[in-house]
Each structure stands twice: as structure tokens, then as C-alpha cells.
């Protein structure tokens, strides 16, 4: 889901026998956060879980953080595991400042997040 005027892409994909992965690349801000919101709304939150791959994320403002919180709330409401993967050190500092480091489960890579959710 991209728009030629935007500098963000959100790509959902199903992992065989594993969680649903939503890859976010570029800037997640008030112009582009709706891409992530749409992908979260469409994601099949269930027993296998959802991984948000943020390894390609270059910027995230408060609107982007709100979209991530919405994903967390949907996971909680459905009892589905949710993991964030590939969060950069700069972005992790933002998560720490706003207290989200205590809310989300972080994994260094998408592969490690997939394995962790497979193990339960």
C-alpha cells in the first residue's frame, strides 16, 4: 500500500505456519499512518500472532505511535500475540520516553520475532 506522493510503504504477508507480518518502510507520520492502520484492521489477529517489522522505519511521529498503539489494543482485545521487530536505537529511545518500552514486546529481527511467536 503505497502512494507515489508518499515515502512510506506497508506490506503485509502471511508466514507459512507462523504469524502475520506487516513490514513498514519509510516515514510513519500523519500523512502515512493510515497505511499501517489499514493493514492492522485487515490483519488476522489470532493464535499465531502478528509481527510489525519496523526495521525499515526511518521516522515515526505521534500519529505513527498512535497506529502502533491501535495494533497493540487490537492484539489485546483478541488475545493475539504481537511483536515489534527491528526497532532502531533512536526509535527505541522514543518508545522509552513515552513508556511504550513497557507495553510492546521487542525483537531484534523479524526472524527472531517469528520464532518467538511460534514457540508461544
PDB file of N, CA and C in Angstrom:
ATOM      1  N   UNK A   1       0.835  -1.171   0.000  1.00  0.00           N
ATOM      2  CA  UNK A   1       0.000   0.000   0.000  1.00  0.00           C
ATOM      3  C   UNK A   1       0.883   1.238   0.000  1.00  0.00           C
ATOM      4  N   UNK A   2       1.086   1.757  -1.146  1.00  0.00           N
ATOM      5  CA  UNK A   2       1.900   2.964  -1.232  1.00  0.00           C
ATOM      6  C   UNK A   2       1.226   3.947  -2.172  1.00  0.00           C
ATOM      7  N   UNK A   3       1.629   5.148  -2.053  1.00  0.00           N
ATOM      8  CA  UNK A   3       1.153   6.220  -2.911  1.00  0.00           C
ATOM      9  C   UNK A   3       2.410   6.883  -3.445  1.00  0.00           C
ATOM     10  N   UNK A   4       2.415   7.214  -4.716  1.00  0.00           N
ATOM     11  CA  UNK A   4       3.632   7.765  -5.309  1.00  0.00           C
ATOM     12  C   UNK A   4       4.056   9.071  -4.638  1.00  0.00           C
ATOM     13  N   UNK A   5       3.116   9.764  -3.991  1.00  0.00           N
ATOM     14  CA  UNK A   5       3.456  11.013  -3.311  1.00  0.00           C
ATOM     15  C   UNK A   5       3.986  10.786  -1.896  1.00  0.00           C
ATOM     16  N   UNK A   6       3.872   9.570  -1.404  1.00  0.00           N
ATOM     17  CA  UNK A   6       4.252   9.280  -0.022  1.00  0.00           C
ATOM     18  C   UNK A   6       5.603   8.577   0.018  1.00  0.00           C
ATOM     19  N   UNK A   7       6.242   8.663   1.170  1.00  0.00           N
ATOM     20  CA  UNK A   7       7.534   7.995   1.331  1.00  0.00           C
ATOM     21  C   UNK A   7       7.423   6.933   2.416  1.00  0.00           C
ATOM     22  N   UNK A   8       6.380   6.103   2.279  1.00  0.00           N
ATOM     23  CA  UNK A   8       6.147   5.024   3.219  1.00  0.00           C
ATOM     24  C   UNK A   8       5.484   3.877   2.475  1.00  0.00           C
ATOM     25  N   UNK A   9       5.860   2.660   2.845  1.00  0.00           N
ATOM     26  CA  UNK A   9       5.142   1.500   2.329  1.00  0.00           C
ATOM     27  C   UNK A   9       4.850   0.567   3.495  1.00  0.00           C
ATOM     28  N   UNK A  10       3.699  -0.061   3.406  1.00  0.00           N
ATOM     29  CA  UNK A  10       3.273  -1.035   4.409  1.00  0.00           C
ATOM     30  C   UNK A  10       2.914  -2.296   3.644  1.00  0.00           C
ATOM     31  N   UNK A  11       3.646  -3.379   3.912  1.00  0.00           N
ATOM     32  CA  UNK A  11       3.472  -4.612   3.167  1.00  0.00           C
ATOM     33  C   UNK A  11       3.124  -5.761   4.111  1.00  0.00           C
ATOM     34  N   UNK A  12       1.868  -6.221   4.074  1.00  0.00           N
ATOM     35  CA  UNK A  12       1.501  -7.369   4.897  1.00  0.00           C
ATOM     36  C   UNK A  12       1.833  -8.678   4.178  1.00  0.00           C
ATOM     37  N   UNK A  13       2.208  -9.693   4.949  1.00  0.00           N
ATOM     38  CA  UNK A  13       2.451 -11.014   4.361  1.00  0.00           C
ATOM     39  C   UNK A  13       2.222 -12.100   5.397  1.00  0.00           C
ATOM     40  N   UNK A  14       1.711 -13.210   4.923  1.00  0.00           N
ATOM     41  CA  UNK A  14       1.468 -14.372   5.773  1.00  0.00           C
ATOM     42  C   UNK A  14       2.697 -15.255   5.749  1.00  0.00           C
ATOM     43  N   UNK A  15       3.142 -15.667   6.923  1.00  0.00           N
ATOM     44  CA  UNK A  15       4.264 -16.598   7.043  1.00  0.00           C
ATOM     45  C   UNK A  15       3.663 -18.000   7.185  1.00  0.00           C
ATOM     46  N   UNK A  16       4.060 -18.968   6.346  1.00  0.00           N
ATOM     47  CA  UNK A  16       3.511 -20.319   6.497  1.00  0.00           C
ATOM     48  C   UNK A  16       3.760 -20.853   7.914  1.00  0.00           C
ATOM     49  N   UNK A  17       2.723 -21.354   8.514  1.00  0.00           N
ATOM     50  CA  UNK A  17       2.793 -21.896   9.888  1.00  0.00           C
ATOM     51  C   UNK A  17       3.394 -20.885  10.861  1.00  0.00           C
ATOM     52  N   UNK A  18       3.050 -19.634  10.686  1.00  0.00           N
ATOM     53  CA  UNK A  18       3.602 -18.620  11.567  1.00  0.00           C
ATOM     54  C   UNK A  18       2.730 -17.387  11.607  1.00  0.00           C
ATOM     55  N   UNK A  19       3.248 -16.350  12.225  1.00  0.00           N
ATOM     56  CA  UNK A  19       2.469 -15.121  12.390  1.00  0.00           C
ATOM     57  C   UNK A  19       2.297 -14.348  11.087  1.00  0.00           C
ATOM     58  N   UNK A  20       1.411 -13.413  11.130  1.00  0.00           N
ATOM     59  CA  UNK A  20       1.173 -12.470  10.048  1.00  0.00           C
ATOM     60  C   UNK A  20       2.175 -11.334  10.246  1.00  0.00           C
ATOM     61  N   UNK A  21       2.904 -10.970   9.207  1.00  0.00           N
ATOM     62  CA  UNK A  21       3.939  -9.938   9.311  1.00  0.00           C
ATOM     63  C   UNK A  21       3.498  -8.709   8.525  1.00  0.00           C
ATOM     64  N   UNK A  22       3.638  -7.554   9.150  1.00  0.00           N
ATOM     65  CA  UNK A  22       3.374  -6.281   8.483  1.00  0.00           C
ATOM     66  C   UNK A  22       4.680  -5.501   8.486  1.00  0.00           C
ATOM     67  N   UNK A  23       5.242  -5.316   7.306  1.00  0.00           N
ATOM     68  CA  UNK A  23       6.521  -4.607   7.159  1.00  0.00           C
ATOM     69  C   UNK A  23       6.240  -3.133   6.871  1.00  0.00           C
ATOM     70  N   UNK A  24       6.875  -2.271   7.661  1.00  0.00           N
ATOM     71  CA  UNK A  24       6.721  -0.824   7.493  1.00  0.00           C
ATOM     72  C   UNK A  24       8.074  -0.250   7.081  1.00  0.00           C
ATOM     73  N   UNK A  25       8.095   0.447   5.949  1.00  0.00           N
ATOM     74  CA  UNK A  25       9.330   1.029   5.431  1.00  0.00           C
ATOM     75  C   UNK A  25       9.105   2.513   5.173  1.00  0.00           C
ATOM     76  N   UNK A  26      10.037   3.322   5.641  1.00  0.00           N
ATOM     77  CA  UNK A  26       9.976   4.758   5.384  1.00  0.00           C
ATOM     78  C   UNK A  26       9.482   5.537   6.587  1.00  0.00           C
ATOM     79  N   UNK A  27       8.788   6.625   6.313  1.00  0.00           N
ATOM     80  CA  UNK A  27       8.335   7.538   7.359  1.00  0.00           C
ATOM     81  C   UNK A  27       6.884   7.263   7.724  1.00  0.00           C
ATOM     82  N   UNK A  28       6.655   7.038   9.006  1.00  0.00           N
ATOM     83  CA  UNK A  28       5.312   6.797   9.522  1.00  0.00           C
ATOM     84  C   UNK A  28       4.881   8.060  10.250  1.00  0.00           C
ATOM     85  N   UNK A  29       4.063   8.864   9.557  1.00  0.00           N
ATOM     86  CA  UNK A  29       3.651  10.142  10.133  1.00  0.00           C
ATOM     87  C   UNK A  29       2.186  10.409   9.813  1.00  0.00           C
ATOM     88  N   UNK A  30       1.745  11.640  10.047  1.00  0.00           N
ATOM     89  CA  UNK A  30       0.326  11.946   9.857  1.00  0.00           C
ATOM     90  C   UNK A  30      -0.124  11.794   8.407  1.00  0.00           C
ATOM     91  N   UNK A  31       0.806  11.797   7.459  1.00  0.00           N
ATOM     92  CA  UNK A  31       0.458  11.589   6.057  1.00  0.00           C
ATOM     93  C   UNK A  31       0.367  10.115   5.688  1.00  0.00           C
ATOM     94  N   UNK A  32       1.060   9.255   6.434  1.00  0.00           N
ATOM     95  CA  UNK A  32       1.187   7.850   6.019  1.00  0.00           C
ATOM     96  C   UNK A  32       0.679   6.837   7.034  1.00  0.00           C
ATOM     97  N   UNK A  33       0.373   7.252   8.239  1.00  0.00           N
ATOM     98  CA  UNK A  33      -0.025   6.306   9.288  1.00  0.00           C
ATOM     99  C   UNK A  33      -1.277   5.525   8.911  1.00  0.00           C
ATOM    100  N   UNK A  34      -2.114   6.094   8.048  1.00  0.00           N
ATOM    101  CA  UNK A  34      -3.331   5.374   7.645  1.00  0.00           C
ATOM    102  C   UNK A  34      -3.002   4.073   6.925  1.00  0.00           C
ATOM    103  N   UNK A  35      -1.837   3.984   6.274  1.00  0.00           N
ATOM    104  CA  UNK A  35      -1.439   2.724   5.640  1.00  0.00           C
ATOM    105  C   UNK A  35      -1.287   1.623   6.691  1.00  0.00           C
ATOM    106  N   UNK A  36      -0.624   1.954   7.796  1.00  0.00           N
ATOM    107  CA  UNK A  36      -0.461   0.976   8.862  1.00  0.00           C
ATOM    108  C   UNK A  36      -1.806   0.681   9.517  1.00  0.00           C
ATOM    109  N   UNK A  37      -2.613   1.695   9.733  1.00  0.00           N
ATOM    110  CA  UNK A  37      -3.930   1.480  10.341  1.00  0.00           C
ATOM    111  C   UNK A  37      -4.772   0.523   9.499  1.00  0.00           C
ATOM    112  N   UNK A  38      -4.747   0.692   8.186  1.00  0.00           N
ATOM    113  CA  UNK A  38      -5.492  -0.201   7.296  1.00  0.00           C
ATOM    114  C   UNK A  38      -4.958  -1.626   7.380  1.00  0.00           C
ATOM    115  N   UNK A  39      -3.636  -1.774   7.401  1.00  0.00           N
ATOM    116  CA  UNK A  39      -3.040  -3.105   7.478  1.00  0.00           C
ATOM    117  C   UNK A  39      -3.379  -3.777   8.810  1.00  0.00           C
ATOM    118  N   UNK A  40      -3.397  -3.000   9.897  1.00  0.00           N
ATOM    119  CA  UNK A  40      -3.760  -3.539  11.215  1.00  0.00           C
ATOM    120  C   UNK A  40      -5.225  -3.963  11.216  1.00  0.00           C
ATOM    121  N   UNK A  41      -6.085  -3.154  10.608  1.00  0.00           N
ATOM    122  CA  UNK A  41      -7.502  -3.512  10.538  1.00  0.00           C
ATOM    123  C   UNK A  41      -7.722  -4.787   9.743  1.00  0.00           C
ATOM    124  N   UNK A  42      -6.913  -5.009   8.709  1.00  0.00           N
ATOM    125  CA  UNK A  42      -7.054  -6.181   7.852  1.00  0.00           C
ATOM    126  C   UNK A  42      -6.325  -7.410   8.395  1.00  0.00           C
ATOM    127  N   UNK A  43      -5.419  -7.209   9.319  1.00  0.00           N
ATOM    128  CA  UNK A  43      -4.594  -8.320   9.833  1.00  0.00           C
ATOM    129  C   UNK A  43      -5.452  -9.333  10.585  1.00  0.00           C
ATOM    130  N   UNK A  44      -5.173 -10.616  10.363  1.00  0.00           N
ATOM    131  CA  UNK A  44      -5.922 -11.666  11.054  1.00  0.00           C
ATOM    132  C   UNK A  44      -5.336 -11.948  12.441  1.00  0.00           C
ATOM    133  N   UNK A  45      -5.632 -11.075  13.382  1.00  0.00           N
ATOM    134  CA  UNK A  45      -5.133 -11.290  14.732  1.00  0.00           C
ATOM    135  C   UNK A  45      -5.716 -12.597  15.245  1.00  0.00           C
ATOM    136  N   UNK A  46      -4.842 -13.512  15.628  1.00  0.00           N
ATOM    137  CA  UNK A  46      -5.274 -14.827  16.101  1.00  0.00           C
ATOM    138  C   UNK A  46      -4.173 -15.480  16.891  1.00  0.00           C
ATOM    139  N   UNK A  47      -4.274 -16.788  17.048  1.00  0.00           N
ATOM    140  CA  UNK A  47      -3.321 -17.533  17.875  1.00  0.00           C
ATOM    141  C   UNK A  47      -1.881 -17.422  17.382  1.00  0.00           C
ATOM    142  N   UNK A  48      -1.689 -17.299  16.064  1.00  0.00           N
ATOM    143  CA  UNK A  48      -0.334 -17.262  15.521  1.00  0.00           C
ATOM    144  C   UNK A  48       0.330 -15.911  15.702  1.00  0.00           C
ATOM    145  N   UNK A  49      -0.458 -14.870  15.933  1.00  0.00           N
ATOM    146  CA  UNK A  49       0.087 -13.564  16.237  1.00  0.00           C
ATOM    147  C   UNK A  49       0.406 -12.708  15.026  1.00  0.00           C
ATOM    148  N   UNK A  50       0.872 -11.508  15.344  1.00  0.00           N
ATOM    149  CA  UNK A  50       1.227 -10.512  14.337  1.00  0.00           C
ATOM    150  C   UNK A  50       2.585  -9.920  14.710  1.00  0.00           C
ATOM    151  N   UNK A  51       3.428  -9.740  13.709  1.00  0.00           N
ATOM    152  CA  UNK A  51       4.723  -9.084  13.878  1.00  0.00           C
ATOM    153  C   UNK A  51       4.707  -7.813  13.048  1.00  0.00           C
ATOM    154  N   UNK A  52       5.049  -6.701  13.676  1.00  0.00           N
ATOM    155  CA  UNK A  52       5.248  -5.456  12.954  1.00  0.00           C
ATOM    156  C   UNK A  52       6.747  -5.296  12.732  1.00  0.00           C
ATOM    157  N   UNK A  53       7.163  -5.435  11.482  1.00  0.00           N
ATOM    158  CA  UNK A  53       8.574  -5.322  11.119  1.00  0.00           C
ATOM    159  C   UNK A  53       8.883  -3.849  10.882  1.00  0.00           C
ATOM    160  N   UNK A  54       9.577  -3.246  11.826  1.00  0.00           N
ATOM    161  CA  UNK A  54       9.898  -1.821  11.751  1.00  0.00           C
ATOM    162  C   UNK A  54      11.354  -1.580  11.377  1.00  0.00           C
ATOM    163  N   UNK A  55      12.037  -2.603  10.866  1.00  0.00           N
ATOM    164  CA  UNK A  55      13.463  -2.463  10.551  1.00  0.00           C
ATOM    165  C   UNK A  55      13.713  -1.441   9.447  1.00  0.00           C
ATOM    166  N   UNK A  56      12.714  -1.176   8.596  1.00  0.00           N
ATOM    167  CA  UNK A  56      12.874  -0.193   7.533  1.00  0.00           C
ATOM    168  C   UNK A  56      12.271   1.161   7.860  1.00  0.00           C
ATOM    169  N   UNK A  57      11.798   1.306   9.096  1.00  0.00           N
ATOM    170  CA  UNK A  57      11.179   2.562   9.517  1.00  0.00           C
ATOM    171  C   UNK A  57      12.262   3.611   9.748  1.00  0.00           C
ATOM    172  N   UNK A  58      12.114   4.763   9.108  1.00  0.00           N
ATOM    173  CA  UNK A  58      13.126   5.819   9.248  1.00  0.00           C
ATOM    174  C   UNK A  58      12.659   6.965  10.129  1.00  0.00           C
ATOM    175  N   UNK A  59      11.345   7.081  10.333  1.00  0.00           N
ATOM    176  CA  UNK A  59      10.804   8.170  11.138  1.00  0.00           C
ATOM    177  C   UNK A  59       9.428   7.764  11.621  1.00  0.00           C
ATOM    178  N   UNK A  60       9.093   8.168  12.845  1.00  0.00           N
ATOM    179  CA  UNK A  60       7.774   7.873  13.392  1.00  0.00           C
ATOM    180  C   UNK A  60       7.350   9.033  14.284  1.00  0.00           C
ATOM    181  N   UNK A  61       6.238   9.686  13.937  1.00  0.00           N
ATOM    182  CA  UNK A  61       5.742  10.771  14.777  1.00  0.00           C
ATOM    183  C   UNK A  61       4.615  10.252  15.667  1.00  0.00           C
ATOM    184  N   UNK A  62       3.929  11.149  16.346  1.00  0.00           N
ATOM    185  CA  UNK A  62       2.893  10.739  17.297  1.00  0.00           C
ATOM    186  C   UNK A  62       1.732  10.031  16.610  1.00  0.00           C
ATOM    187  N   UNK A  63       1.439  10.371  15.366  1.00  0.00           N
ATOM    188  CA  UNK A  63       0.374   9.678  14.639  1.00  0.00           C
ATOM    189  C   UNK A  63       0.781   8.239  14.356  1.00  0.00           C
ATOM    190  N   UNK A  64       2.039   8.038  14.023  1.00  0.00           N
ATOM    191  CA  UNK A  64       2.550   6.681  13.823  1.00  0.00           C
ATOM    192  C   UNK A  64       2.513   5.881  15.103  1.00  0.00           C
ATOM    193  N   UNK A  65       2.879   6.505  16.205  1.00  0.00           N
ATOM    194  CA  UNK A  65       2.827   5.827  17.507  1.00  0.00           C
ATOM    195  C   UNK A  65       1.389   5.452  17.835  1.00  0.00           C
ATOM    196  N   UNK A  66       0.443   6.328  17.522  1.00  0.00           N
ATOM    197  CA  UNK A  66      -0.969   6.014  17.750  1.00  0.00           C
ATOM    198  C   UNK A  66      -1.386   4.783  16.945  1.00  0.00           C
ATOM    199  N   UNK A  67      -0.923   4.662  15.710  1.00  0.00           N
ATOM    200  CA  UNK A  67      -1.237   3.484  14.892  1.00  0.00           C
ATOM    201  C   UNK A  67      -0.643   2.220  15.514  1.00  0.00           C
ATOM    202  N   UNK A  68       0.557   2.329  16.083  1.00  0.00           N
ATOM    203  CA  UNK A  68       1.170   1.177  16.759  1.00  0.00           C
ATOM    204  C   UNK A  68       0.376   0.805  18.013  1.00  0.00           C
ATOM    205  N   UNK A  69      -0.077   1.794  18.749  1.00  0.00           N
ATOM    206  CA  UNK A  69      -0.879   1.533  19.950  1.00  0.00           C
ATOM    207  C   UNK A  69      -2.202   0.871  19.570  1.00  0.00           C
ATOM    208  N   UNK A  70      -2.786   1.291  18.463  1.00  0.00           N
ATOM    209  CA  UNK A  70      -4.009   0.656  17.983  1.00  0.00           C
ATOM    210  C   UNK A  70      -3.770  -0.822  17.694  1.00  0.00           C
ATOM    211  N   UNK A  71      -2.627  -1.156  17.112  1.00  0.00           N
ATOM    212  CA  UNK A  71      -2.281  -2.558  16.865  1.00  0.00           C
ATOM    213  C   UNK A  71      -2.183  -3.313  18.189  1.00  0.00           C
ATOM    214  N   UNK A  72      -1.562  -2.696  19.177  1.00  0.00           N
ATOM    215  CA  UNK A  72      -1.447  -3.314  20.500  1.00  0.00           C
ATOM    216  C   UNK A  72      -2.841  -3.549  21.102  1.00  0.00           C
ATOM    217  N   UNK A  73      -3.707  -2.556  20.999  1.00  0.00           N
ATOM    218  CA  UNK A  73      -5.058  -2.690  21.559  1.00  0.00           C
ATOM    219  C   UNK A  73      -5.840  -3.791  20.853  1.00  0.00           C
ATOM    220  N   UNK A  74      -5.678  -3.903  19.546  1.00  0.00           N
ATOM    221  CA  UNK A  74      -6.371  -4.965  18.809  1.00  0.00           C
ATOM    222  C   UNK A  74      -5.837  -6.331  19.235  1.00  0.00           C
ATOM    223  N   UNK A  75      -4.528  -6.433  19.406  1.00  0.00           N
ATOM    224  CA  UNK A  75      -3.934  -7.699  19.857  1.00  0.00           C
ATOM    225  C   UNK A  75      -4.467  -8.074  21.243  1.00  0.00           C
ATOM    226  N   UNK A  76      -4.531  -7.106  22.135  1.00  0.00           N
ATOM    227  CA  UNK A  76      -5.034  -7.363  23.483  1.00  0.00           C
ATOM    228  C   UNK A  76      -6.496  -7.794  23.446  1.00  0.00           C
ATOM    229  N   UNK A  77      -7.300  -7.133  22.630  1.00  0.00           N
ATOM    230  CA  UNK A  77      -8.731  -7.436  22.553  1.00  0.00           C
ATOM    231  C   UNK A  77      -9.001  -8.828  21.998  1.00  0.00           C
ATOM    232  N   UNK A  78      -8.098  -9.316  21.137  1.00  0.00           N
ATOM    233  CA  UNK A  78      -8.298 -10.623  20.518  1.00  0.00           C
ATOM    234  C   UNK A  78      -7.482 -11.722  21.190  1.00  0.00           C
ATOM    235  N   UNK A  79      -6.643 -11.350  22.164  1.00  0.00           N
ATOM    236  CA  UNK A  79      -5.784 -12.339  22.812  1.00  0.00           C
ATOM    237  C   UNK A  79      -4.675 -12.834  21.910  1.00  0.00           C
ATOM    238  N   UNK A  80      -4.322 -12.036  20.932  1.00  0.00           N
ATOM    239  CA  UNK A  80      -3.312 -12.411  19.948  1.00  0.00           C
ATOM    240  C   UNK A  80      -1.956 -11.845  20.351  1.00  0.00           C
ATOM    241  N   UNK A  81      -0.896 -12.639  20.208  1.00  0.00           N
ATOM    242  CA  UNK A  81       0.432 -12.094  20.481  1.00  0.00           C
ATOM    243  C   UNK A  81       0.823 -11.066  19.423  1.00  0.00           C
ATOM    244  N   UNK A  82       1.563 -10.052  19.859  1.00  0.00           N
ATOM    245  CA  UNK A  82       2.057  -9.009  18.966  1.00  0.00           C
ATOM    246  C   UNK A  82       3.508  -8.741  19.304  1.00  0.00           C
ATOM    247  N   UNK A  83       4.347  -8.705  18.280  1.00  0.00           N
ATOM    248  CA  UNK A  83       5.749  -8.378  18.479  1.00  0.00           C
ATOM    249  C   UNK A  83       6.186  -7.284  17.535  1.00  0.00           C
ATOM    250  N   UNK A  84       7.085  -6.430  17.995  1.00  0.00           N
ATOM    251  CA  UNK A  84       7.700  -5.411  17.156  1.00  0.00           C
ATOM    252  C   UNK A  84       9.133  -5.849  16.886  1.00  0.00           C
ATOM    253  N   UNK A  85       9.535  -5.782  15.634  1.00  0.00           N
ATOM    254  CA  UNK A  85      10.863  -6.254  15.254  1.00  0.00           C
ATOM    255  C   UNK A  85      11.664  -5.149  14.588  1.00  0.00           C
ATOM    256  N   UNK A  86      12.963  -5.176  14.828  1.00  0.00           N
ATOM    257  CA  UNK A  86      13.890  -4.312  14.119  1.00  0.00           C
ATOM    258  C   UNK A  86      13.810  -2.841  14.478  1.00  0.00           C
ATOM    259  N   UNK A  87      13.405  -2.537  15.685  1.00  0.00           N
ATOM    260  CA  UNK A  87      13.301  -1.135  16.106  1.00  0.00           C
ATOM    261  C   UNK A  87      14.706  -0.565  16.302  1.00  0.00           C
ATOM    262  N   UNK A  88      14.983   0.564  15.665  1.00  0.00           N
ATOM    263  CA  UNK A  88      16.314   1.172  15.769  1.00  0.00           C
ATOM    264  C   UNK A  88      16.522   1.751  17.165  1.00  0.00           C
ATOM    265  N   UNK A  89      17.777   2.021  17.489  1.00  0.00           N
ATOM    266  CA  UNK A  89      18.113   2.600  18.798  1.00  0.00           C
ATOM    267  C   UNK A  89      17.437   3.961  18.984  1.00  0.00           C
ATOM    268  N   UNK A  90      17.400   4.774  17.934  1.00  0.00           N
ATOM    269  CA  UNK A  90      16.758   6.091  18.032  1.00  0.00           C
ATOM    270  C   UNK A  90      15.264   5.955  18.301  1.00  0.00           C
ATOM    271  N   UNK A  91      14.632   5.049  17.591  1.00  0.00           N
ATOM    272  CA  UNK A  91      13.195   4.852  17.804  1.00  0.00           C
ATOM    273  C   UNK A  91      12.918   4.244  19.178  1.00  0.00           C
ATOM    274  N   UNK A  92      13.815   3.374  19.631  1.00  0.00           N
ATOM    275  CA  UNK A  92      13.644   2.772  20.956  1.00  0.00           C
ATOM    276  C   UNK A  92      13.695   3.841  22.033  1.00  0.00           C
ATOM    277  N   UNK A  93      14.532   4.839  21.863  1.00  0.00           N
ATOM    278  CA  UNK A  93      14.589   5.941  22.830  1.00  0.00           C
ATOM    279  C   UNK A  93      13.245   6.664  22.902  1.00  0.00           C
ATOM    280  N   UNK A  94      12.607   6.861  21.751  1.00  0.00           N
ATOM    281  CA  UNK A  94      11.283   7.497  21.733  1.00  0.00           C
ATOM    282  C   UNK A  94      10.277   6.607  22.476  1.00  0.00           C
ATOM    283  N   UNK A  95      10.308   5.310  22.200  1.00  0.00           N
ATOM    284  CA  UNK A  95       9.408   4.385  22.902  1.00  0.00           C
ATOM    285  C   UNK A  95       9.640   4.441  24.411  1.00  0.00           C
ATOM    286  N   UNK A  96      10.902   4.554  24.820  1.00  0.00           N
ATOM    287  CA  UNK A  96      11.215   4.624  26.247  1.00  0.00           C
ATOM    288  C   UNK A  96      10.695   5.919  26.860  1.00  0.00           C
ATOM    289  N   UNK A  97      10.851   7.034  26.159  1.00  0.00           N
ATOM    290  CA  UNK A  97      10.405   8.331  26.669  1.00  0.00           C
ATOM    291  C   UNK A  97       8.904   8.321  26.915  1.00  0.00           C
ATOM    292  N   UNK A  98       8.142   7.711  26.010  1.00  0.00           N
ATOM    293  CA  UNK A  98       6.683   7.704  26.157  1.00  0.00           C
ATOM    294  C   UNK A  98       6.169   6.478  26.909  1.00  0.00           C
ATOM    295  N   UNK A  99       7.084   5.622  27.373  1.00  0.00           N
ATOM    296  CA  UNK A  99       6.703   4.477  28.200  1.00  0.00           C
ATOM    297  C   UNK A  99       6.258   3.249  27.433  1.00  0.00           C
ATOM    298  N   UNK A 100       6.389   3.265  26.117  1.00  0.00           N
ATOM    299  CA  UNK A 100       5.931   2.115  25.337  1.00  0.00           C
ATOM    300  C   UNK A 100       6.904   0.943  25.362  1.00  0.00           C
ATOM    301  N   UNK A 101       8.097   1.163  25.890  1.00  0.00           N
ATOM    302  CA  UNK A 101       9.027   0.045  26.046  1.00  0.00           C
ATOM    303  C   UNK A 101       8.492  -0.942  27.081  1.00  0.00           C
ATOM    304  N   UNK A 102       7.551  -0.494  27.917  1.00  0.00           N
ATOM    305  CA  UNK A 102       6.925  -1.361  28.918  1.00  0.00           C
ATOM    306  C   UNK A 102       5.662  -2.043  28.377  1.00  0.00           C
ATOM    307  N   UNK A 103       5.215  -1.623  27.192  1.00  0.00           N
ATOM    308  CA  UNK A 103       3.965  -2.125  26.617  1.00  0.00           C
ATOM    309  C   UNK A 103       4.225  -3.180  25.548  1.00  0.00           C
ATOM    310  N   UNK A 104       5.126  -2.874  24.625  1.00  0.00           N
ATOM    311  CA  UNK A 104       5.375  -3.755  23.493  1.00  0.00           C
ATOM    312  C   UNK A 104       6.437  -4.798  23.819  1.00  0.00           C
ATOM    313  N   UNK A 105       6.385  -5.897  23.069  1.00  0.00           N
ATOM    314  CA  UNK A 105       7.434  -6.908  23.101  1.00  0.00           C
ATOM    315  C   UNK A 105       8.307  -6.676  21.882  1.00  0.00           C
ATOM    316  N   UNK A 106       9.602  -6.467  22.118  1.00  0.00           N
ATOM    317  CA  UNK A 106      10.535  -6.129  21.046  1.00  0.00           C
ATOM    318  C   UNK A 106      11.434  -7.320  20.727  1.00  0.00           C
ATOM    319  N   UNK A 107      11.779  -7.446  19.447  1.00  0.00           N
ATOM    320  CA  UNK A 107      12.690  -8.482  18.972  1.00  0.00           C
ATOM    321  C   UNK A 107      13.703  -7.823  18.042  1.00  0.00           C
ATOM    322  N   UNK A 108      14.965  -8.270  18.082  1.00  0.00           N
ATOM    323  CA  UNK A 108      15.985  -7.645  17.238  1.00  0.00           C
ATOM    324  C   UNK A 108      15.681  -7.761  15.746  1.00  0.00           C
ATOM    325  N   UNK A 109      15.141  -8.915  15.320  1.00  0.00           N
ATOM    326  CA  UNK A 109      14.856  -9.131  13.896  1.00  0.00           C
ATOM    327  C   UNK A 109      13.470  -9.739  13.731  1.00  0.00           C
ATOM    328  N   UNK A 110      12.961  -9.656  12.526  1.00  0.00           N
ATOM    329  CA  UNK A 110      11.669 -10.267  12.206  1.00  0.00           C
ATOM    330  C   UNK A 110      11.745 -11.779  12.384  1.00  0.00           C
ATOM    331  N   UNK A 111      12.862 -12.371  11.969  1.00  0.00           N
ATOM    332  CA  UNK A 111      13.028 -13.822  12.091  1.00  0.00           C
ATOM    333  C   UNK A 111      12.943 -14.257  13.554  1.00  0.00           C
ATOM    334  N   UNK A 112      13.575 -13.489  14.441  1.00  0.00           N
ATOM    335  CA  UNK A 112      13.522 -13.832  15.870  1.00  0.00           C
ATOM    336  C   UNK A 112      12.114 -13.633  16.427  1.00  0.00           C
ATOM    337  N   UNK A 113      11.414 -12.631  15.937  1.00  0.00           N
ATOM    338  CA  UNK A 113      10.029 -12.406  16.380  1.00  0.00           C
ATOM    339  C   UNK A 113       9.141 -13.573  15.927  1.00  0.00           C
ATOM    340  N   UNK A 114       9.323 -14.021  14.686  1.00  0.00           N
ATOM    341  CA  UNK A 114       8.541 -15.144  14.176  1.00  0.00           C
ATOM    342  C   UNK A 114       8.795 -16.379  15.015  1.00  0.00           C
ATOM    343  N   UNK A 115      10.059 -16.648  15.298  1.00  0.00           N
ATOM    344  CA  UNK A 115      10.393 -17.835  16.112  1.00  0.00           C
ATOM    345  C   UNK A 115       9.794 -17.723  17.519  1.00  0.00           C
ATOM    346  N   UNK A 116       9.886 -16.549  18.115  1.00  0.00           N
ATOM    347  CA  UNK A 116       9.343 -16.360  19.459  1.00  0.00           C
ATOM    348  C   UNK A 116       7.828 -16.588  19.480  1.00  0.00           C
ATOM    349  N   UNK A 117       7.127 -16.100  18.468  1.00  0.00           N
ATOM    350  CA  UNK A 117       5.675 -16.297  18.426  1.00  0.00           C
ATOM    351  C   UNK A 117       5.328 -17.749  18.121  1.00  0.00           C
ATOM    352  N   UNK A 118       6.137 -18.419  17.337  1.00  0.00           N
ATOM    353  CA  UNK A 118       5.896 -19.854  17.069  1.00  0.00           C
ATOM    354  C   UNK A 118       6.034 -20.664  18.349  1.00  0.00           C
ATOM    355  N   UNK A 119       6.992 -20.294  19.179  1.00  0.00           N
ATOM    356  CA  UNK A 119       7.216 -21.012  20.439  1.00  0.00           C
ATOM    357  C   UNK A 119       6.125 -20.713  21.453  1.00  0.00           C
ATOM    358  N   UNK A 120       5.500 -19.529  21.276  1.00  0.00           N
ATOM    359  CA  UNK A 120       4.439 -19.138  22.198  1.00  0.00           C
ATOM    360  C   UNK A 120       5.015 -18.617  23.443  1.00  0.00           C
TER     361      UNK A 120
END
